[in-house]
Amino acid sequence: MHLVDPDTYRDPDPRDQARKARHLSKYIFPLQYGLSNVFTSQLQAKEHYKQPDFADRENEIQRLGPCKTPKRLKDVLVLLDKMIWRHGKCRYKLLRDKVCPSKASKIFE
């Protein structure tokens, strides 16, 4: 059993893949891009505290706009690119069914 179907899988566009890696790096290394993070808080004295949602930073990334990738993260982008490529290539349902077979899934298929 192959987790990757060679007939249906196509390599993604390298430019699109690089864009996705840079975008992911903004989630993993927010301080390097000047984004807010869990460890630094800029709370005004008379302001009520509102817990920011760090799981979805799309609005903050959009406000930041396009920015240059810091030199210290250039080597990491290669690893993130590989991780995204492998994520897109893996057939998770097939992997799940192999590792955790279910009698119910066989009934409904």
PDB file of N, CA and C in Angstrom:
ATOM      1  N   MET A   1       0.837  -1.167   0.000  1.00  0.00           N
ATOM      2  CA  MET A   1       0.000   0.000   0.000  1.00  0.00           C
ATOM      3  C   MET A   1       0.892   1.244   0.000  1.00  0.00           C
ATOM      4  N   HIS A   2       0.636   2.146  -0.946  1.00  0.00           N
ATOM      5  CA  HIS A   2       1.410   3.382  -1.040  1.00  0.00           C
ATOM      6  C   HIS A   2       0.613   4.532  -0.449  1.00  0.00           C
ATOM      7  N   LEU A   3       1.289   5.349   0.332  1.00  0.00           N
ATOM      8  CA  LEU A   3       0.631   6.513   0.901  1.00  0.00           C
ATOM      9  C   LEU A   3       0.562   7.651  -0.100  1.00  0.00           C
ATOM     10  N   VAL A   4       1.335   7.557  -1.161  1.00  0.00           N
ATOM     11  CA  VAL A   4       1.323   8.568  -2.206  1.00  0.00           C
ATOM     12  C   VAL A   4       0.923   7.890  -3.505  1.00  0.00           C
ATOM     13  N   ASP A   5      -0.099   8.411  -4.151  1.00  0.00           N
ATOM     14  CA  ASP A   5      -0.551   7.861  -5.419  1.00  0.00           C
ATOM     15  C   ASP A   5       0.180   8.575  -6.541  1.00  0.00           C
ATOM     16  N   PRO A   6       1.114   7.905  -7.227  1.00  0.00           N
ATOM     17  CA  PRO A   6       1.903   8.575  -8.259  1.00  0.00           C
ATOM     18  C   PRO A   6       1.073   9.016  -9.455  1.00  0.00           C
ATOM     19  N   ASP A   7      -0.097   8.432  -9.655  1.00  0.00           N
ATOM     20  CA  ASP A   7      -0.926   8.808 -10.797  1.00  0.00           C
ATOM     21  C   ASP A   7      -1.634  10.145 -10.587  1.00  0.00           C
ATOM     22  N   THR A   8      -2.030  10.430  -9.362  1.00  0.00           N
ATOM     23  CA  THR A   8      -2.797  11.651  -9.101  1.00  0.00           C
ATOM     24  C   THR A   8      -1.966  12.779  -8.512  1.00  0.00           C
ATOM     25  N   TYR A   9      -0.785  12.507  -7.979  1.00  0.00           N
ATOM     26  CA  TYR A   9       0.005  13.556  -7.331  1.00  0.00           C
ATOM     27  C   TYR A   9       0.798  14.336  -8.362  1.00  0.00           C
ATOM     28  N   ARG A  10       0.766  15.672  -8.237  1.00  0.00           N
ATOM     29  CA  ARG A  10       1.597  16.552  -9.059  1.00  0.00           C
ATOM     30  C   ARG A  10       2.392  17.460  -8.141  1.00  0.00           C
ATOM     31  N   ASP A  11       3.643  17.706  -8.486  1.00  0.00           N
ATOM     32  CA  ASP A  11       4.456  18.626  -7.698  1.00  0.00           C
ATOM     33  C   ASP A  11       3.852  20.022  -7.767  1.00  0.00           C
ATOM     34  N   PRO A  12       3.821  20.732  -6.636  1.00  0.00           N
ATOM     35  CA  PRO A  12       3.264  22.091  -6.635  1.00  0.00           C
ATOM     36  C   PRO A  12       4.206  23.082  -7.317  1.00  0.00           C
ATOM     37  N   ASP A  13       3.665  24.224  -7.647  1.00  0.00           N
ATOM     38  CA  ASP A  13       4.449  25.296  -8.252  1.00  0.00           C
ATOM     39  C   ASP A  13       5.502  25.770  -7.240  1.00  0.00           C
ATOM     40  N   PRO A  14       6.786  25.828  -7.624  1.00  0.00           N
ATOM     41  CA  PRO A  14       7.829  26.224  -6.665  1.00  0.00           C
ATOM     42  C   PRO A  14       7.626  27.630  -6.091  1.00  0.00           C
ATOM     43  N   ARG A  15       7.127  28.564  -6.890  1.00  0.00           N
ATOM     44  CA  ARG A  15       6.898  29.920  -6.370  1.00  0.00           C
ATOM     45  C   ARG A  15       5.787  29.923  -5.328  1.00  0.00           C
ATOM     46  N   ASP A  16       4.734  29.184  -5.611  1.00  0.00           N
ATOM     47  CA  ASP A  16       3.623  29.092  -4.670  1.00  0.00           C
ATOM     48  C   ASP A  16       4.078  28.404  -3.388  1.00  0.00           C
ATOM     49  N   GLN A  17       4.902  27.388  -3.529  1.00  0.00           N
ATOM     50  CA  GLN A  17       5.427  26.654  -2.377  1.00  0.00           C
ATOM     51  C   GLN A  17       6.304  27.563  -1.507  1.00  0.00           C
ATOM     52  N   ALA A  18       7.130  28.390  -2.140  1.00  0.00           N
ATOM     53  CA  ALA A  18       7.991  29.311  -1.392  1.00  0.00           C
ATOM     54  C   ALA A  18       7.146  30.365  -0.670  1.00  0.00           C
ATOM     55  N   ARG A  19       6.075  30.828  -1.309  1.00  0.00           N
ATOM     56  CA  ARG A  19       5.181  31.804  -0.685  1.00  0.00           C
ATOM     57  C   ARG A  19       4.521  31.199   0.557  1.00  0.00           C
ATOM     58  N   LYS A  20       4.103  29.948   0.447  1.00  0.00           N
ATOM     59  CA  LYS A  20       3.478  29.275   1.592  1.00  0.00           C
ATOM     60  C   LYS A  20       4.475  29.084   2.737  1.00  0.00           C
ATOM     61  N   ALA A  21       5.724  28.774   2.401  1.00  0.00           N
ATOM     62  CA  ALA A  21       6.760  28.599   3.436  1.00  0.00           C
ATOM     63  C   ALA A  21       7.015  29.920   4.157  1.00  0.00           C
ATOM     64  N   ARG A  22       7.084  31.028   3.415  1.00  0.00           N
ATOM     65  CA  ARG A  22       7.287  32.330   4.055  1.00  0.00           C
ATOM     66  C   ARG A  22       6.103  32.692   4.948  1.00  0.00           C
ATOM     67  N   HIS A  23       4.897  32.365   4.484  1.00  0.00           N
ATOM     68  CA  HIS A  23       3.701  32.667   5.265  1.00  0.00           C
ATOM     69  C   HIS A  23       3.682  31.841   6.564  1.00  0.00           C
ATOM     70  N   LEU A  24       4.044  30.570   6.468  1.00  0.00           N
ATOM     71  CA  LEU A  24       4.104  29.714   7.652  1.00  0.00           C
ATOM     72  C   LEU A  24       5.157  30.215   8.634  1.00  0.00           C
ATOM     73  N   SER A  25       6.270  30.727   8.123  1.00  0.00           N
ATOM     74  CA  SER A  25       7.326  31.221   9.011  1.00  0.00           C
ATOM     75  C   SER A  25       6.845  32.413   9.837  1.00  0.00           C
ATOM     76  N   LYS A  26       5.868  33.169   9.336  1.00  0.00           N
ATOM     77  CA  LYS A  26       5.326  34.288  10.105  1.00  0.00           C
ATOM     78  C   LYS A  26       4.515  33.795  11.298  1.00  0.00           C
ATOM     79  N   TYR A  27       3.947  32.604  11.205  1.00  0.00           N
ATOM     80  CA  TYR A  27       3.245  32.010  12.332  1.00  0.00           C
ATOM     81  C   TYR A  27       4.230  31.426  13.345  1.00  0.00           C
ATOM     82  N   ILE A  28       5.303  30.823  12.866  1.00  0.00           N
ATOM     83  CA  ILE A  28       6.249  30.153  13.750  1.00  0.00           C
ATOM     84  C   ILE A  28       7.208  31.137  14.412  1.00  0.00           C
ATOM     85  N   PHE A  29       7.643  32.161  13.672  1.00  0.00           N
ATOM     86  CA  PHE A  29       8.613  33.138  14.178  1.00  0.00           C
ATOM     87  C   PHE A  29       8.037  34.554  14.097  1.00  0.00           C
ATOM     88  N   PRO A  30       6.986  34.872  14.859  1.00  0.00           N
ATOM     89  CA  PRO A  30       6.354  36.183  14.713  1.00  0.00           C
ATOM     90  C   PRO A  30       7.256  37.359  15.112  1.00  0.00           C
ATOM     91  N   LEU A  31       8.099  37.185  16.121  1.00  0.00           N
ATOM     92  CA  LEU A  31       8.972  38.279  16.549  1.00  0.00           C
ATOM     93  C   LEU A  31       9.951  38.700  15.458  1.00  0.00           C
ATOM     94  N   GLN A  32      10.388  37.768  14.634  1.00  0.00           N
ATOM     95  CA  GLN A  32      11.348  38.069  13.582  1.00  0.00           C
ATOM     96  C   GLN A  32      10.745  39.000  12.525  1.00  0.00           C
ATOM     97  N   TYR A  33       9.407  38.997  12.422  1.00  0.00           N
ATOM     98  CA  TYR A  33       8.717  39.837  11.451  1.00  0.00           C
ATOM     99  C   TYR A  33       8.064  41.055  12.100  1.00  0.00           C
ATOM    100  N   GLY A  34       8.237  41.211  13.397  1.00  0.00           N
ATOM    101  CA  GLY A  34       7.655  42.347  14.085  1.00  0.00           C
ATOM    102  C   GLY A  34       6.182  42.159  14.430  1.00  0.00           C
ATOM    103  N   LEU A  35       5.722  40.921  14.468  1.00  0.00           N
ATOM    104  CA  LEU A  35       4.340  40.618  14.832  1.00  0.00           C
ATOM    105  C   LEU A  35       4.249  40.392  16.335  1.00  0.00           C
ATOM    106  N   SER A  36       3.044  40.512  16.880  1.00  0.00           N
ATOM    107  CA  SER A  36       2.880  40.276  18.311  1.00  0.00           C
ATOM    108  C   SER A  36       3.007  38.782  18.595  1.00  0.00           C
ATOM    109  N   ASN A  37       3.354  38.465  19.834  1.00  0.00           N
ATOM    110  CA  ASN A  37       3.467  37.058  20.217  1.00  0.00           C
ATOM    111  C   ASN A  37       3.026  36.878  21.661  1.00  0.00           C
ATOM    112  N   VAL A  38       3.076  35.673  22.129  1.00  0.00           N
ATOM    113  CA  VAL A  38       2.596  35.329  23.462  1.00  0.00           C
ATOM    114  C   VAL A  38       3.441  35.968  24.557  1.00  0.00           C
ATOM    115  N   PHE A  39       4.720  36.130  24.323  1.00  0.00           N
ATOM    116  CA  PHE A  39       5.629  36.548  25.388  1.00  0.00           C
ATOM    117  C   PHE A  39       5.742  38.057  25.551  1.00  0.00           C
ATOM    118  N   THR A  40       5.349  38.823  24.548  1.00  0.00           N
ATOM    119  CA  THR A  40       5.407  40.278  24.652  1.00  0.00           C
ATOM    120  C   THR A  40       4.002  40.830  24.531  1.00  0.00           C
ATOM    121  N   SER A  41       3.666  41.728  25.400  1.00  0.00           N
ATOM    122  CA  SER A  41       2.331  42.325  25.389  1.00  0.00           C
ATOM    123  C   SER A  41       2.471  43.830  25.528  1.00  0.00           C
ATOM    124  N   GLN A  42       1.768  44.557  24.685  1.00  0.00           N
ATOM    125  CA  GLN A  42       1.797  46.009  24.758  1.00  0.00           C
ATOM    126  C   GLN A  42       0.432  46.468  25.275  1.00  0.00           C
ATOM    127  N   LEU A  43       0.264  46.377  26.571  1.00  0.00           N
ATOM    128  CA  LEU A  43      -1.001  46.701  27.223  1.00  0.00           C
ATOM    129  C   LEU A  43      -0.910  48.110  27.798  1.00  0.00           C
ATOM    130  N   GLN A  44      -1.872  48.943  27.449  1.00  0.00           N
ATOM    131  CA  GLN A  44      -1.923  50.298  28.001  1.00  0.00           C
ATOM    132  C   GLN A  44      -2.411  50.221  29.450  1.00  0.00           C
ATOM    133  N   ALA A  45      -2.118  51.229  30.238  1.00  0.00           N
ATOM    134  CA  ALA A  45      -2.423  51.220  31.672  1.00  0.00           C
ATOM    135  C   ALA A  45      -3.923  51.086  31.967  1.00  0.00           C
ATOM    136  N   LYS A  46      -4.777  51.787  31.255  1.00  0.00           N
ATOM    137  CA  LYS A  46      -6.210  51.767  31.558  1.00  0.00           C
ATOM    138  C   LYS A  46      -7.000  50.928  30.573  1.00  0.00           C
ATOM    139  N   GLU A  47      -6.347  50.080  29.871  1.00  0.00           N
ATOM    140  CA  GLU A  47      -6.998  49.262  28.854  1.00  0.00           C
ATOM    141  C   GLU A  47      -7.378  47.905  29.438  1.00  0.00           C
ATOM    142  N   HIS A  48      -8.530  47.386  29.046  1.00  0.00           N
ATOM    143  CA  HIS A  48      -8.935  46.052  29.472  1.00  0.00           C
ATOM    144  C   HIS A  48      -8.161  45.020  28.668  1.00  0.00           C
ATOM    145  N   TYR A  49      -7.780  43.973  29.353  1.00  0.00           N
ATOM    146  CA  TYR A  49      -7.007  42.932  28.682  1.00  0.00           C
ATOM    147  C   TYR A  49      -7.930  42.037  27.864  1.00  0.00           C
ATOM    148  N   LYS A  50      -7.580  41.843  26.619  1.00  0.00           N
ATOM    149  CA  LYS A  50      -8.314  40.922  25.745  1.00  0.00           C
ATOM    150  C   LYS A  50      -7.303  39.906  25.224  1.00  0.00           C
ATOM    151  N   GLN A  51      -7.572  38.645  25.467  1.00  0.00           N
ATOM    152  CA  GLN A  51      -6.665  37.584  25.037  1.00  0.00           C
ATOM    153  C   GLN A  51      -6.615  37.528  23.513  1.00  0.00           C
ATOM    154  N   PRO A  52      -5.454  37.799  22.914  1.00  0.00           N
ATOM    155  CA  PRO A  52      -5.359  37.727  21.463  1.00  0.00           C
ATOM    156  C   PRO A  52      -5.406  36.286  20.967  1.00  0.00           C
ATOM    157  N   ASP A  53      -5.883  36.118  19.752  1.00  0.00           N
ATOM    158  CA  ASP A  53      -5.964  34.796  19.142  1.00  0.00           C
ATOM    159  C   ASP A  53      -4.721  34.599  18.276  1.00  0.00           C
ATOM    160  N   PHE A  54      -3.747  33.873  18.804  1.00  0.00           N
ATOM    161  CA  PHE A  54      -2.510  33.661  18.066  1.00  0.00           C
ATOM    162  C   PHE A  54      -2.617  32.515  17.079  1.00  0.00           C
ATOM    163  N   ALA A  55      -3.729  31.778  17.094  1.00  0.00           N
ATOM    164  CA  ALA A  55      -3.913  30.684  16.144  1.00  0.00           C
ATOM    165  C   ALA A  55      -4.244  31.224  14.758  1.00  0.00           C
ATOM    166  N   ASP A  56      -4.875  32.395  14.692  1.00  0.00           N
ATOM    167  CA  ASP A  56      -5.230  32.981  13.412  1.00  0.00           C
ATOM    168  C   ASP A  56      -4.716  34.408  13.370  1.00  0.00           C
ATOM    169  N   ARG A  57      -3.605  34.625  12.717  1.00  0.00           N
ATOM    170  CA  ARG A  57      -3.015  35.954  12.638  1.00  0.00           C
ATOM    171  C   ARG A  57      -3.128  36.563  11.249  1.00  0.00           C
ATOM    172  N   GLU A  58      -4.066  36.099  10.454  1.00  0.00           N
ATOM    173  CA  GLU A  58      -4.187  36.582   9.083  1.00  0.00           C
ATOM    174  C   GLU A  58      -4.369  38.095   9.016  1.00  0.00           C
ATOM    175  N   ASN A  59      -5.204  38.659   9.903  1.00  0.00           N
ATOM    176  CA  ASN A  59      -5.414  40.113   9.882  1.00  0.00           C
ATOM    177  C   ASN A  59      -4.123  40.864  10.172  1.00  0.00           C
ATOM    178  N   GLU A  60      -3.381  40.383  11.159  1.00  0.00           N
ATOM    179  CA  GLU A  60      -2.122  41.037  11.517  1.00  0.00           C
ATOM    180  C   GLU A  60      -1.093  40.921  10.392  1.00  0.00           C
ATOM    181  N   ILE A  61      -1.055  39.787   9.725  1.00  0.00           N
ATOM    182  CA  ILE A  61      -0.126  39.596   8.607  1.00  0.00           C
ATOM    183  C   ILE A  61      -0.525  40.492   7.438  1.00  0.00           C
ATOM    184  N   GLN A  62      -1.836  40.632   7.198  1.00  0.00           N
ATOM    185  CA  GLN A  62      -2.314  41.513   6.129  1.00  0.00           C
ATOM    186  C   GLN A  62      -1.953  42.966   6.427  1.00  0.00           C
ATOM    187  N   ARG A  63      -2.098  43.388   7.686  1.00  0.00           N
ATOM    188  CA  ARG A  63      -1.742  44.766   8.062  1.00  0.00           C
ATOM    189  C   ARG A  63      -0.251  45.018   7.886  1.00  0.00           C
ATOM    190  N   LEU A  64       0.559  43.992   8.165  1.00  0.00           N
ATOM    191  CA  LEU A  64       2.005  44.117   8.017  1.00  0.00           C
ATOM    192  C   LEU A  64       2.381  44.308   6.550  1.00  0.00           C
ATOM    193  N   GLY A  65       1.660  43.631   5.665  1.00  0.00           N
ATOM    194  CA  GLY A  65       1.940  43.734   4.238  1.00  0.00           C
ATOM    195  C   GLY A  65       3.165  42.920   3.866  1.00  0.00           C
ATOM    196  N   PRO A  66       3.600  43.034   2.621  1.00  0.00           N
ATOM    197  CA  PRO A  66       4.792  42.282   2.214  1.00  0.00           C
ATOM    198  C   PRO A  66       6.028  42.812   2.933  1.00  0.00           C
ATOM    199  N   CYS A  67       6.845  41.902   3.403  1.00  0.00           N
ATOM    200  CA  CYS A  67       8.066  42.301   4.090  1.00  0.00           C
ATOM    201  C   CYS A  67       9.186  41.326   3.728  1.00  0.00           C
ATOM    202  N   LYS A  68      10.378  41.790   3.947  1.00  0.00           N
ATOM    203  CA  LYS A  68      11.558  40.993   3.622  1.00  0.00           C
ATOM    204  C   LYS A  68      11.768  39.902   4.665  1.00  0.00           C
ATOM    205  N   THR A  69      12.154  38.724   4.208  1.00  0.00           N
ATOM    206  CA  THR A  69      12.453  37.627   5.131  1.00  0.00           C
ATOM    207  C   THR A  69      13.808  37.878   5.790  1.00  0.00           C
ATOM    208  N   PRO A  70      13.876  37.821   7.120  1.00  0.00           N
ATOM    209  CA  PRO A  70      15.161  38.022   7.806  1.00  0.00           C
ATOM    210  C   PRO A  70      16.184  36.971   7.385  1.00  0.00           C
ATOM    211  N   LYS A  71      17.448  37.384   7.304  1.00  0.00           N
ATOM    212  CA  LYS A  71      18.526  36.479   6.869  1.00  0.00           C
ATOM    213  C   LYS A  71      18.613  35.234   7.734  1.00  0.00           C
ATOM    214  N   ARG A  72      18.401  35.393   9.033  1.00  0.00           N
ATOM    215  CA  ARG A  72      18.554  34.253   9.933  1.00  0.00           C
ATOM    216  C   ARG A  72      17.484  33.191   9.720  1.00  0.00           C
ATOM    217  N   LEU A  73      16.412  33.518   8.972  1.00  0.00           N
ATOM    218  CA  LEU A  73      15.354  32.546   8.706  1.00  0.00           C
ATOM    219  C   LEU A  73      15.448  31.918   7.321  1.00  0.00           C
ATOM    220  N   LYS A  74      16.368  32.364   6.493  1.00  0.00           N
ATOM    221  CA  LYS A  74      16.466  31.842   5.118  1.00  0.00           C
ATOM    222  C   LYS A  74      16.719  30.333   5.101  1.00  0.00           C
ATOM    223  N   ASP A  75      17.562  29.828   5.996  1.00  0.00           N
ATOM    224  CA  ASP A  75      17.843  28.385   6.035  1.00  0.00           C
ATOM    225  C   ASP A  75      16.633  27.596   6.525  1.00  0.00           C
ATOM    226  N   VAL A  76      15.830  28.191   7.374  1.00  0.00           N
ATOM    227  CA  VAL A  76      14.651  27.522   7.911  1.00  0.00           C
ATOM    228  C   VAL A  76      13.575  27.376   6.834  1.00  0.00           C
ATOM    229  N   LEU A  77      13.523  28.315   5.888  1.00  0.00           N
ATOM    230  CA  LEU A  77      12.512  28.263   4.834  1.00  0.00           C
ATOM    231  C   LEU A  77      12.613  26.983   4.014  1.00  0.00           C
ATOM    232  N   VAL A  78      13.819  26.466   3.842  1.00  0.00           N
ATOM    233  CA  VAL A  78      14.008  25.209   3.105  1.00  0.00           C
ATOM    234  C   VAL A  78      13.318  24.062   3.849  1.00  0.00           C
ATOM    235  N   LEU A  79      13.478  24.028   5.165  1.00  0.00           N
ATOM    236  CA  LEU A  79      12.834  22.983   5.967  1.00  0.00           C
ATOM    237  C   LEU A  79      11.316  23.125   5.960  1.00  0.00           C
ATOM    238  N   LEU A  80      10.824  24.361   6.050  1.00  0.00           N
ATOM    239  CA  LEU A  80       9.378  24.583   6.014  1.00  0.00           C
ATOM    240  C   LEU A  80       8.803  24.191   4.654  1.00  0.00           C
ATOM    241  N   ASP A  81       9.558  24.457   3.604  1.00  0.00           N
ATOM    242  CA  ASP A  81       9.136  24.079   2.253  1.00  0.00           C
ATOM    243  C   ASP A  81       8.989  22.562   2.141  1.00  0.00           C
ATOM    244  N   LYS A  82       9.955  21.836   2.673  1.00  0.00           N
ATOM    245  CA  LYS A  82       9.885  20.366   2.659  1.00  0.00           C
ATOM    246  C   LYS A  82       8.706  19.855   3.472  1.00  0.00           C
ATOM    247  N   MET A  83       8.474  20.494   4.622  1.00  0.00           N
ATOM    248  CA  MET A  83       7.377  20.076   5.480  1.00  0.00           C
ATOM    249  C   MET A  83       6.033  20.274   4.776  1.00  0.00           C
ATOM    250  N   ILE A  84       5.842  21.411   4.126  1.00  0.00           N
ATOM    251  CA  ILE A  84       4.595  21.678   3.403  1.00  0.00           C
ATOM    252  C   ILE A  84       4.449  20.725   2.228  1.00  0.00           C
ATOM    253  N   TRP A  85       5.539  20.458   1.528  1.00  0.00           N
ATOM    254  CA  TRP A  85       5.504  19.542   0.376  1.00  0.00           C
ATOM    255  C   TRP A  85       5.085  18.142   0.815  1.00  0.00           C
ATOM    256  N   ARG A  86       5.679  17.659   1.910  1.00  0.00           N
ATOM    257  CA  ARG A  86       5.336  16.321   2.416  1.00  0.00           C
ATOM    258  C   ARG A  86       3.901  16.281   2.944  1.00  0.00           C
ATOM    259  N   HIS A  87       3.456  17.371   3.536  1.00  0.00           N
ATOM    260  CA  HIS A  87       2.077  17.433   4.029  1.00  0.00           C
ATOM    261  C   HIS A  87       1.091  17.303   2.857  1.00  0.00           C
ATOM    262  N   GLY A  88       1.372  17.970   1.765  1.00  0.00           N
ATOM    263  CA  GLY A  88       0.495  17.903   0.612  1.00  0.00           C
ATOM    264  C   GLY A  88       0.539  16.566  -0.100  1.00  0.00           C
ATOM    265  N   LYS A  89       1.632  15.877   0.052  1.00  0.00           N
ATOM    266  CA  LYS A  89       1.846  14.610  -0.640  1.00  0.00           C
ATOM    267  C   LYS A  89       1.235  13.414   0.092  1.00  0.00           C
ATOM    268  N   CYS A  90       1.108  13.511   1.407  1.00  0.00           N
ATOM    269  CA  CYS A  90       0.648  12.386   2.227  1.00  0.00           C
ATOM    270  C   CYS A  90      -0.861  12.203   2.117  1.00  0.00           C
ATOM    271  N   ARG A  91      -1.278  10.980   2.019  1.00  0.00           N
ATOM    272  CA  ARG A  91      -2.707  10.652   2.002  1.00  0.00           C
ATOM    273  C   ARG A  91      -3.089  10.210   3.412  1.00  0.00           C
ATOM    274  N   TYR A  92      -3.577  11.169   4.201  1.00  0.00           N
ATOM    275  CA  TYR A  92      -3.816  10.951   5.619  1.00  0.00           C
ATOM    276  C   TYR A  92      -4.916   9.926   5.892  1.00  0.00           C
ATOM    277  N   LYS A  93      -5.948   9.911   5.084  1.00  0.00           N
ATOM    278  CA  LYS A  93      -7.047   8.964   5.322  1.00  0.00           C
ATOM    279  C   LYS A  93      -6.550   7.531   5.164  1.00  0.00           C
ATOM    280  N   LEU A  94      -5.747   7.277   4.149  1.00  0.00           N
ATOM    281  CA  LEU A  94      -5.194   5.948   3.928  1.00  0.00           C
ATOM    282  C   LEU A  94      -4.268   5.555   5.081  1.00  0.00           C
ATOM    283  N   LEU A  95      -3.472   6.498   5.542  1.00  0.00           N
ATOM    284  CA  LEU A  95      -2.575   6.256   6.673  1.00  0.00           C
ATOM    285  C   LEU A  95      -3.377   5.949   7.933  1.00  0.00           C
ATOM    286  N   ARG A  96      -4.428   6.713   8.193  1.00  0.00           N
ATOM    287  CA  ARG A  96      -5.271   6.485   9.355  1.00  0.00           C
ATOM    288  C   ARG A  96      -5.921   5.105   9.303  1.00  0.00           C
ATOM    289  N   ASP A  97      -6.438   4.739   8.129  1.00  0.00           N
ATOM    290  CA  ASP A  97      -7.098   3.444   7.998  1.00  0.00           C
ATOM    291  C   ASP A  97      -6.129   2.280   8.174  1.00  0.00           C
ATOM    292  N   LYS A  98      -4.874   2.482   7.791  1.00  0.00           N
ATOM    293  CA  LYS A  98      -3.879   1.420   7.957  1.00  0.00           C
ATOM    294  C   LYS A  98      -3.488   1.269   9.428  1.00  0.00           C
ATOM    295  N   VAL A  99      -3.289   2.388  10.115  1.00  0.00           N
ATOM    296  CA  VAL A  99      -2.837   2.359  11.502  1.00  0.00           C
ATOM    297  C   VAL A  99      -3.979   2.051  12.468  1.00  0.00           C
ATOM    298  N   CYS A 100      -5.138   2.632  12.220  1.00  0.00           N
ATOM    299  CA  CYS A 100      -6.296   2.454  13.105  1.00  0.00           C
ATOM    300  C   CYS A 100      -7.473   1.935  12.292  1.00  0.00           C
ATOM    301  N   PRO A 101      -7.474   0.668  11.930  1.00  0.00           N
ATOM    302  CA  PRO A 101      -8.595   0.158  11.133  1.00  0.00           C
ATOM    303  C   PRO A 101      -9.886   0.181  11.944  1.00  0.00           C
ATOM    304  N   SER A 102     -10.961   0.498  11.261  1.00  0.00           N
ATOM    305  CA  SER A 102     -12.256   0.582  11.925  1.00  0.00           C
ATOM    306  C   SER A 102     -13.251  -0.309  11.198  1.00  0.00           C
ATOM    307  N   LYS A 103     -14.019  -1.038  11.950  1.00  0.00           N
ATOM    308  CA  LYS A 103     -15.042  -1.882  11.344  1.00  0.00           C
ATOM    309  C   LYS A 103     -16.159  -1.024  10.768  1.00  0.00           C
ATOM    310  N   ALA A 104     -16.427   0.105  11.381  1.00  0.00           N
ATOM    311  CA  ALA A 104     -17.503   0.987  10.919  1.00  0.00           C
ATOM    312  C   ALA A 104     -17.195   1.560   9.541  1.00  0.00           C
ATOM    313  N   SER A 105     -15.945   1.903   9.279  1.00  0.00           N
ATOM    314  CA  SER A 105     -15.606   2.494   7.979  1.00  0.00           C
ATOM    315  C   SER A 105     -15.792   1.472   6.856  1.00  0.00           C
ATOM    316  N   LYS A 106     -15.602   0.171   7.139  1.00  0.00           N
ATOM    317  CA  LYS A 106     -15.789  -0.851   6.120  1.00  0.00           C
ATOM    318  C   LYS A 106     -17.265  -1.053   5.805  1.00  0.00           C
ATOM    319  N   ILE A 107     -18.124  -0.810   6.773  1.00  0.00           N
ATOM    320  CA  ILE A 107     -19.559  -0.977   6.561  1.00  0.00           C
ATOM    321  C   ILE A 107     -20.101   0.102   5.629  1.00  0.00           C
ATOM    322  N   PHE A 108     -19.635   1.337   5.815  1.00  0.00           N
ATOM    323  CA  PHE A 108     -20.167   2.461   5.059  1.00  0.00           C
ATOM    324  C   PHE A 108     -19.524   2.649   3.699  1.00  0.00           C
ATOM    325  N   GLU A 109     -18.461   1.977   3.386  1.00  0.00           N
ATOM    326  CA  GLU A 109     -17.794   2.155   2.087  1.00  0.00           C
ATOM    327  C   GLU A 109     -18.278   1.176   1.075  1.00  0.00           C
TER     328      GLU A 109
END
